[in-house]
N, C-alpha and C. Protein backbone atom coordinates (compact mmCIF):
# COMPACT_ATOMS: atom_id res chain seq x y z
N MET A 1 49.96 151.27 73.58
CA MET A 1 50.50 150.06 73.01
C MET A 1 50.02 149.92 71.56
N GLY A 2 50.96 149.74 70.64
CA GLY A 2 50.57 149.54 69.25
C GLY A 2 50.02 150.78 68.59
N MET A 3 50.25 151.95 69.17
CA MET A 3 49.72 153.18 68.57
C MET A 3 50.74 153.77 67.61
N TYR A 4 50.22 154.34 66.55
CA TYR A 4 51.07 155.00 65.58
C TYR A 4 50.71 156.47 65.55
N TYR A 5 51.70 157.30 65.36
CA TYR A 5 51.46 158.72 65.24
C TYR A 5 51.31 159.05 63.77
N LEU A 6 50.09 159.43 63.39
CA LEU A 6 49.83 159.72 61.99
C LEU A 6 50.53 160.98 61.51
N SER A 7 50.86 161.88 62.43
CA SER A 7 51.50 163.12 62.02
C SER A 7 53.01 162.98 61.85
N MET A 8 53.56 161.82 62.23
CA MET A 8 55.00 161.61 62.10
C MET A 8 55.35 161.33 60.65
N PRO A 9 56.18 162.18 60.05
CA PRO A 9 56.53 161.96 58.65
C PRO A 9 57.47 160.76 58.48
N ARG A 10 57.35 160.13 57.36
CA ARG A 10 58.22 159.01 57.03
C ARG A 10 59.59 159.55 56.66
N ALA A 11 60.64 158.84 57.03
CA ALA A 11 61.99 159.28 56.71
C ALA A 11 62.21 159.25 55.21
N ALA A 12 62.96 160.22 54.72
CA ALA A 12 63.26 160.27 53.30
C ALA A 12 64.12 159.08 52.91
N THR A 13 63.94 158.61 51.68
CA THR A 13 64.72 157.46 51.22
C THR A 13 66.19 157.79 51.13
N THR A 14 66.51 159.07 51.09
CA THR A 14 67.91 159.47 51.01
C THR A 14 68.52 159.75 52.37
N SER A 15 67.79 159.46 53.44
CA SER A 15 68.31 159.79 54.77
C SER A 15 69.36 158.80 55.26
N ASP A 16 69.24 157.54 54.89
CA ASP A 16 70.22 156.54 55.31
C ASP A 16 70.09 155.29 54.46
N ALA A 17 71.05 154.40 54.62
CA ALA A 17 71.09 153.18 53.82
C ALA A 17 69.86 152.30 54.03
N PHE A 18 69.37 152.24 55.26
CA PHE A 18 68.21 151.39 55.55
C PHE A 18 66.97 151.85 54.79
N ASN A 19 66.73 153.15 54.75
CA ASN A 19 65.60 153.66 53.99
C ASN A 19 65.81 153.49 52.50
N ALA A 20 67.03 153.64 52.05
CA ALA A 20 67.32 153.50 50.62
C ALA A 20 67.04 152.08 50.14
N VAL A 21 67.42 151.07 50.92
CA VAL A 21 67.23 149.69 50.47
C VAL A 21 65.84 149.15 50.79
N ALA A 22 64.99 149.99 51.33
CA ALA A 22 63.60 149.57 51.56
C ALA A 22 62.88 149.35 50.22
N GLU A 23 63.36 149.97 49.18
CA GLU A 23 62.78 149.85 47.83
C GLU A 23 63.39 148.62 47.15
N PRO A 24 62.55 147.64 46.77
CA PRO A 24 63.07 146.39 46.18
C PRO A 24 63.92 146.58 44.93
N ARG A 25 63.59 147.54 44.09
CA ARG A 25 64.38 147.74 42.87
C ARG A 25 65.80 148.18 43.20
N ARG A 26 65.94 148.95 44.27
CA ARG A 26 67.29 149.37 44.67
C ARG A 26 68.09 148.18 45.17
N ARG A 27 67.43 147.27 45.86
CA ARG A 27 68.13 146.06 46.30
C ARG A 27 68.56 145.24 45.08
N ASP A 28 67.70 145.17 44.08
CA ASP A 28 68.05 144.46 42.84
C ASP A 28 69.27 145.10 42.17
N ILE A 29 69.29 146.41 42.14
CA ILE A 29 70.41 147.13 41.52
C ILE A 29 71.70 146.85 42.30
N LEU A 30 71.62 146.90 43.63
CA LEU A 30 72.81 146.61 44.45
C LEU A 30 73.32 145.20 44.20
N ALA A 31 72.41 144.27 44.13
CA ALA A 31 72.81 142.87 43.88
C ALA A 31 73.45 142.74 42.51
N PHE A 32 72.90 143.42 41.52
CA PHE A 32 73.45 143.35 40.17
C PHE A 32 74.85 143.97 40.10
N LEU A 33 75.06 145.03 40.86
CA LEU A 33 76.36 145.71 40.87
C LEU A 33 77.38 145.05 41.79
N ALA A 34 76.96 144.07 42.54
CA ALA A 34 77.85 143.47 43.54
C ALA A 34 79.08 142.82 42.94
N LEU A 35 78.96 142.25 41.77
CA LEU A 35 80.08 141.50 41.20
C LEU A 35 81.05 142.36 40.40
N GLU A 36 80.53 143.40 39.75
CA GLU A 36 81.43 144.23 38.94
C GLU A 36 80.80 145.58 38.65
N GLU A 37 81.65 146.50 38.26
CA GLU A 37 81.27 147.85 37.89
C GLU A 37 80.51 147.79 36.56
N ARG A 38 79.43 148.58 36.46
CA ARG A 38 78.61 148.51 35.25
C ARG A 38 78.03 149.89 34.90
N PRO A 39 77.78 150.09 33.60
CA PRO A 39 77.11 151.33 33.17
C PRO A 39 75.59 151.19 33.36
N VAL A 40 74.92 152.32 33.34
CA VAL A 40 73.47 152.35 33.52
C VAL A 40 72.77 151.46 32.50
N SER A 41 73.24 151.46 31.26
CA SER A 41 72.57 150.68 30.21
C SER A 41 72.55 149.19 30.55
N ASP A 42 73.60 148.67 31.16
CA ASP A 42 73.61 147.25 31.56
C ASP A 42 72.56 146.98 32.63
N ILE A 43 72.41 147.90 33.55
CA ILE A 43 71.41 147.74 34.62
C ILE A 43 70.01 147.77 34.02
N VAL A 44 69.77 148.71 33.13
CA VAL A 44 68.47 148.82 32.45
C VAL A 44 68.12 147.52 31.75
N ASP A 45 69.08 146.99 30.98
CA ASP A 45 68.83 145.77 30.22
C ASP A 45 68.64 144.55 31.12
N ALA A 46 69.50 144.41 32.09
CA ALA A 46 69.46 143.22 32.95
C ALA A 46 68.22 143.16 33.83
N LEU A 47 67.77 144.32 34.31
CA LEU A 47 66.65 144.34 35.25
C LEU A 47 65.33 144.74 34.60
N SER A 48 65.36 144.99 33.30
CA SER A 48 64.15 145.38 32.55
C SER A 48 63.43 146.56 33.19
N LEU A 49 64.22 147.59 33.49
CA LEU A 49 63.68 148.82 34.05
C LEU A 49 63.90 149.96 33.06
N GLU A 50 63.15 151.01 33.21
CA GLU A 50 63.33 152.18 32.36
C GLU A 50 64.57 152.95 32.81
N GLN A 51 65.27 153.55 31.86
CA GLN A 51 66.51 154.25 32.16
C GLN A 51 66.31 155.39 33.16
N PRO A 52 65.26 156.23 33.04
CA PRO A 52 65.09 157.29 34.03
C PRO A 52 64.88 156.74 35.45
N SER A 53 64.19 155.62 35.55
CA SER A 53 63.96 155.01 36.85
C SER A 53 65.27 154.51 37.46
N VAL A 54 66.09 153.86 36.65
CA VAL A 54 67.38 153.36 37.12
C VAL A 54 68.25 154.53 37.57
N SER A 55 68.26 155.60 36.80
CA SER A 55 69.07 156.77 37.16
C SER A 55 68.63 157.36 38.49
N LYS A 56 67.32 157.43 38.72
CA LYS A 56 66.83 157.95 40.00
C LYS A 56 67.22 157.04 41.16
N HIS A 57 67.09 155.75 40.96
CA HIS A 57 67.47 154.81 42.02
C HIS A 57 68.98 154.90 42.30
N LEU A 58 69.77 155.00 41.25
CA LEU A 58 71.22 155.12 41.43
C LEU A 58 71.58 156.40 42.17
N ARG A 59 70.84 157.45 41.90
CA ARG A 59 71.13 158.72 42.60
C ARG A 59 70.88 158.56 44.11
N VAL A 60 69.77 157.91 44.46
CA VAL A 60 69.48 157.68 45.88
C VAL A 60 70.57 156.83 46.50
N LEU A 61 70.94 155.75 45.82
CA LEU A 61 71.98 154.85 46.34
C LEU A 61 73.32 155.57 46.46
N ARG A 62 73.61 156.44 45.52
CA ARG A 62 74.86 157.21 45.57
C ARG A 62 74.81 158.24 46.71
N ASP A 63 73.65 158.90 46.89
CA ASP A 63 73.52 159.91 47.94
C ASP A 63 73.74 159.34 49.34
N VAL A 64 73.35 158.09 49.55
CA VAL A 64 73.54 157.47 50.87
C VAL A 64 74.85 156.69 50.94
N GLY A 65 75.61 156.69 49.85
CA GLY A 65 76.93 156.08 49.84
C GLY A 65 76.97 154.60 49.54
N LEU A 66 75.87 154.02 49.08
CA LEU A 66 75.85 152.58 48.81
C LEU A 66 76.47 152.20 47.47
N VAL A 67 76.59 153.17 46.57
CA VAL A 67 77.28 152.92 45.31
C VAL A 67 78.28 154.04 45.05
N HIS A 68 79.35 153.68 44.34
CA HIS A 68 80.35 154.63 43.87
C HIS A 68 80.14 154.78 42.37
N VAL A 69 80.49 155.94 41.87
CA VAL A 69 80.39 156.18 40.44
C VAL A 69 81.70 156.79 39.95
N ARG A 70 82.08 156.41 38.77
CA ARG A 70 83.25 157.03 38.14
C ARG A 70 82.95 157.22 36.66
N ARG A 71 83.56 158.23 36.10
CA ARG A 71 83.37 158.54 34.68
C ARG A 71 84.44 157.83 33.87
N ASP A 72 84.01 157.22 32.78
CA ASP A 72 84.92 156.59 31.82
C ASP A 72 84.54 157.13 30.45
N GLY A 73 85.17 158.24 30.07
CA GLY A 73 84.78 158.92 28.83
C GLY A 73 83.39 159.53 29.02
N ARG A 74 82.45 159.09 28.19
CA ARG A 74 81.08 159.60 28.30
C ARG A 74 80.22 158.74 29.21
N ARG A 75 80.73 157.57 29.57
CA ARG A 75 79.92 156.65 30.39
C ARG A 75 80.17 156.87 31.87
N MET A 76 79.12 156.64 32.65
CA MET A 76 79.21 156.63 34.11
C MET A 76 79.15 155.17 34.53
N LEU A 77 80.13 154.74 35.29
CA LEU A 77 80.19 153.35 35.75
C LEU A 77 79.91 153.31 37.25
N TYR A 78 79.02 152.41 37.62
CA TYR A 78 78.59 152.29 39.02
C TYR A 78 79.06 150.97 39.60
N ARG A 79 79.37 151.00 40.88
CA ARG A 79 79.72 149.77 41.59
C ARG A 79 79.24 149.88 43.04
N THR A 80 78.99 148.75 43.63
CA THR A 80 78.53 148.69 45.01
C THR A 80 79.67 149.08 45.94
N ASN A 81 79.33 149.84 46.98
CA ASN A 81 80.28 150.21 48.01
C ASN A 81 80.10 149.24 49.18
N ALA A 82 80.91 148.20 49.19
CA ALA A 82 80.78 147.14 50.20
C ALA A 82 80.92 147.67 51.62
N ASP A 83 81.78 148.65 51.84
CA ASP A 83 81.96 149.20 53.19
C ASP A 83 80.68 149.84 53.72
N ALA A 84 79.94 150.49 52.84
CA ALA A 84 78.69 151.15 53.26
C ALA A 84 77.58 150.14 53.50
N ILE A 85 77.69 148.97 52.87
CA ILE A 85 76.67 147.94 53.06
C ILE A 85 76.91 147.15 54.35
N ARG A 86 78.10 147.21 54.90
CA ARG A 86 78.45 146.47 56.11
C ARG A 86 77.45 146.69 57.26
N PRO A 87 77.02 147.93 57.56
CA PRO A 87 76.05 148.10 58.65
C PRO A 87 74.73 147.35 58.40
N LEU A 88 74.31 147.27 57.14
CA LEU A 88 73.10 146.51 56.81
C LEU A 88 73.32 145.03 57.11
N HIS A 89 74.47 144.53 56.71
CA HIS A 89 74.82 143.13 56.95
C HIS A 89 74.90 142.84 58.44
N ASP A 90 75.55 143.72 59.17
CA ASP A 90 75.69 143.53 60.61
C ASP A 90 74.33 143.52 61.30
N TRP A 91 73.45 144.42 60.90
CA TRP A 91 72.13 144.50 61.52
C TRP A 91 71.32 143.23 61.23
N THR A 92 71.31 142.79 59.99
CA THR A 92 70.55 141.57 59.67
C THR A 92 71.17 140.36 60.35
N GLY A 93 72.48 140.41 60.58
CA GLY A 93 73.16 139.32 61.27
C GLY A 93 72.65 139.10 62.67
N THR A 94 72.10 140.15 63.29
CA THR A 94 71.55 139.98 64.64
C THR A 94 70.37 139.01 64.64
N PHE A 95 69.75 138.84 63.49
CA PHE A 95 68.59 137.94 63.38
C PHE A 95 68.97 136.55 62.91
N GLU A 96 70.21 136.39 62.48
CA GLU A 96 70.66 135.11 61.97
C GLU A 96 70.50 134.00 63.01
N ARG A 97 70.80 134.31 64.27
CA ARG A 97 70.66 133.32 65.34
C ARG A 97 69.21 132.84 65.44
N PHE A 98 68.27 133.77 65.31
CA PHE A 98 66.85 133.43 65.35
C PHE A 98 66.49 132.52 64.19
N TRP A 99 66.94 132.87 62.97
CA TRP A 99 66.63 132.06 61.79
C TRP A 99 67.21 130.66 61.93
N ARG A 100 68.47 130.60 62.39
CA ARG A 100 69.11 129.30 62.57
C ARG A 100 68.35 128.45 63.58
N HIS A 101 67.92 129.10 64.66
CA HIS A 101 67.16 128.40 65.70
C HIS A 101 65.86 127.85 65.12
N GLN A 102 65.17 128.66 64.33
CA GLN A 102 63.91 128.22 63.73
C GLN A 102 64.14 127.03 62.80
N LEU A 103 65.17 127.09 61.98
CA LEU A 103 65.46 125.98 61.07
C LEU A 103 65.84 124.72 61.84
N SER A 104 66.56 124.89 62.94
CA SER A 104 66.92 123.73 63.76
C SER A 104 65.67 123.08 64.35
N ARG A 105 64.73 123.91 64.80
CA ARG A 105 63.47 123.38 65.35
C ARG A 105 62.68 122.62 64.30
N ILE A 106 62.63 123.14 63.09
CA ILE A 106 61.91 122.46 62.01
C ILE A 106 62.57 121.11 61.72
N LYS A 107 63.88 121.10 61.66
CA LYS A 107 64.62 119.86 61.40
C LYS A 107 64.35 118.84 62.52
N GLU A 108 64.41 119.30 63.77
CA GLU A 108 64.17 118.40 64.90
C GLU A 108 62.76 117.81 64.85
N ARG A 109 61.77 118.64 64.53
CA ARG A 109 60.39 118.14 64.44
C ARG A 109 60.25 117.10 63.34
N ALA A 110 60.85 117.38 62.20
CA ALA A 110 60.76 116.43 61.07
C ALA A 110 61.43 115.10 61.44
N GLU A 111 62.60 115.18 62.07
CA GLU A 111 63.29 113.96 62.47
C GLU A 111 62.51 113.20 63.52
N ALA A 112 61.91 113.91 64.47
CA ALA A 112 61.11 113.26 65.51
C ALA A 112 59.89 112.59 64.90
N GLN A 113 59.28 113.23 63.95
CA GLN A 113 58.10 112.66 63.30
C GLN A 113 58.48 111.41 62.51
N MET A 114 59.65 111.44 61.88
CA MET A 114 60.11 110.26 61.13
C MET A 114 60.33 109.08 62.08
N LYS A 115 60.87 109.35 63.27
CA LYS A 115 61.14 108.30 64.24
C LYS A 115 59.85 107.75 64.83
N ARG A 116 58.88 108.62 65.05
CA ARG A 116 57.61 108.21 65.67
C ARG A 116 56.77 107.37 64.74
N SER A 117 56.87 107.60 63.47
CA SER A 117 55.97 106.90 62.56
C SER A 117 56.70 106.21 61.42
N PRO A 118 57.55 105.24 61.73
CA PRO A 118 58.21 104.52 60.64
C PRO A 118 57.22 103.73 59.80
N GLN A 119 56.12 103.30 60.42
CA GLN A 119 55.08 102.55 59.71
C GLN A 119 54.46 103.43 58.62
N SER A 120 54.14 104.67 58.98
CA SER A 120 53.50 105.54 57.99
C SER A 120 54.48 105.88 56.87
N ASN A 121 55.78 105.95 57.18
CA ASN A 121 56.77 106.18 56.13
C ASN A 121 56.82 105.01 55.17
N GLN A 122 56.76 103.77 55.70
CA GLN A 122 56.76 102.58 54.86
C GLN A 122 55.50 102.56 54.00
N THR A 123 54.38 102.91 54.60
CA THR A 123 53.11 102.93 53.87
C THR A 123 53.17 103.92 52.72
N SER A 124 53.71 105.14 53.00
CA SER A 124 53.77 106.12 51.92
C SER A 124 54.77 105.69 50.85
N LYS A 125 55.87 105.03 51.24
CA LYS A 125 56.81 104.52 50.25
C LYS A 125 56.15 103.46 49.38
N ARG A 126 55.38 102.55 50.05
CA ARG A 126 54.69 101.51 49.31
C ARG A 126 53.69 102.13 48.35
N ARG A 127 52.95 103.13 48.84
CA ARG A 127 51.97 103.80 48.01
C ARG A 127 52.64 104.44 46.79
N ASN A 128 53.75 105.14 46.99
CA ASN A 128 54.47 105.76 45.89
C ASN A 128 54.99 104.71 44.91
N HIS A 129 55.47 103.58 45.44
CA HIS A 129 55.94 102.50 44.58
C HIS A 129 54.80 101.93 43.76
N ASP A 130 53.65 101.72 44.40
CA ASP A 130 52.47 101.19 43.70
C ASP A 130 52.03 102.15 42.58
N ILE A 131 52.07 103.44 42.86
CA ILE A 131 51.67 104.43 41.86
C ILE A 131 52.64 104.38 40.68
N ASP A 132 53.95 104.32 40.98
CA ASP A 132 54.95 104.28 39.93
C ASP A 132 54.81 103.03 39.06
N THR A 133 54.57 101.87 39.68
CA THR A 133 54.47 100.63 38.92
C THR A 133 53.18 100.57 38.12
N SER A 134 52.13 101.21 38.61
CA SER A 134 50.85 101.19 37.87
C SER A 134 50.93 102.05 36.62
N ARG A 135 51.87 102.98 36.58
CA ARG A 135 52.03 103.83 35.40
C ARG A 135 52.72 103.10 34.27
N ASN A 136 53.48 102.09 34.60
CA ASN A 136 54.25 101.36 33.56
C ASN A 136 53.43 100.38 32.86
């Protein structure tokens, strides 16, 4: 239980979309490319990354199919491949029910606490009012 095999190698970042997006800068690049096709220089400027680093990240994203590239004269233009991102979205969607449930529980607790202690709410409102009026 809870044992890890130290001899098991980590999957290469180019093995699949999940490993590729494990790197935060790649997620930033995907988000930046989500709205429109862009050249490397725009990505470098917008994300304040070095050009060689951006090129390496784009290569990984391209190798796993998360971005498409096309040549426009001398420029290479990159765009997000929404179809390839779908499995990532679907997988994270399995947890959406859990997140929604957690937020509902927090809301219920806050509402229950408000109902249980209307006196303390009035006291804190009075206190805030007193603080505001003392500043004037």
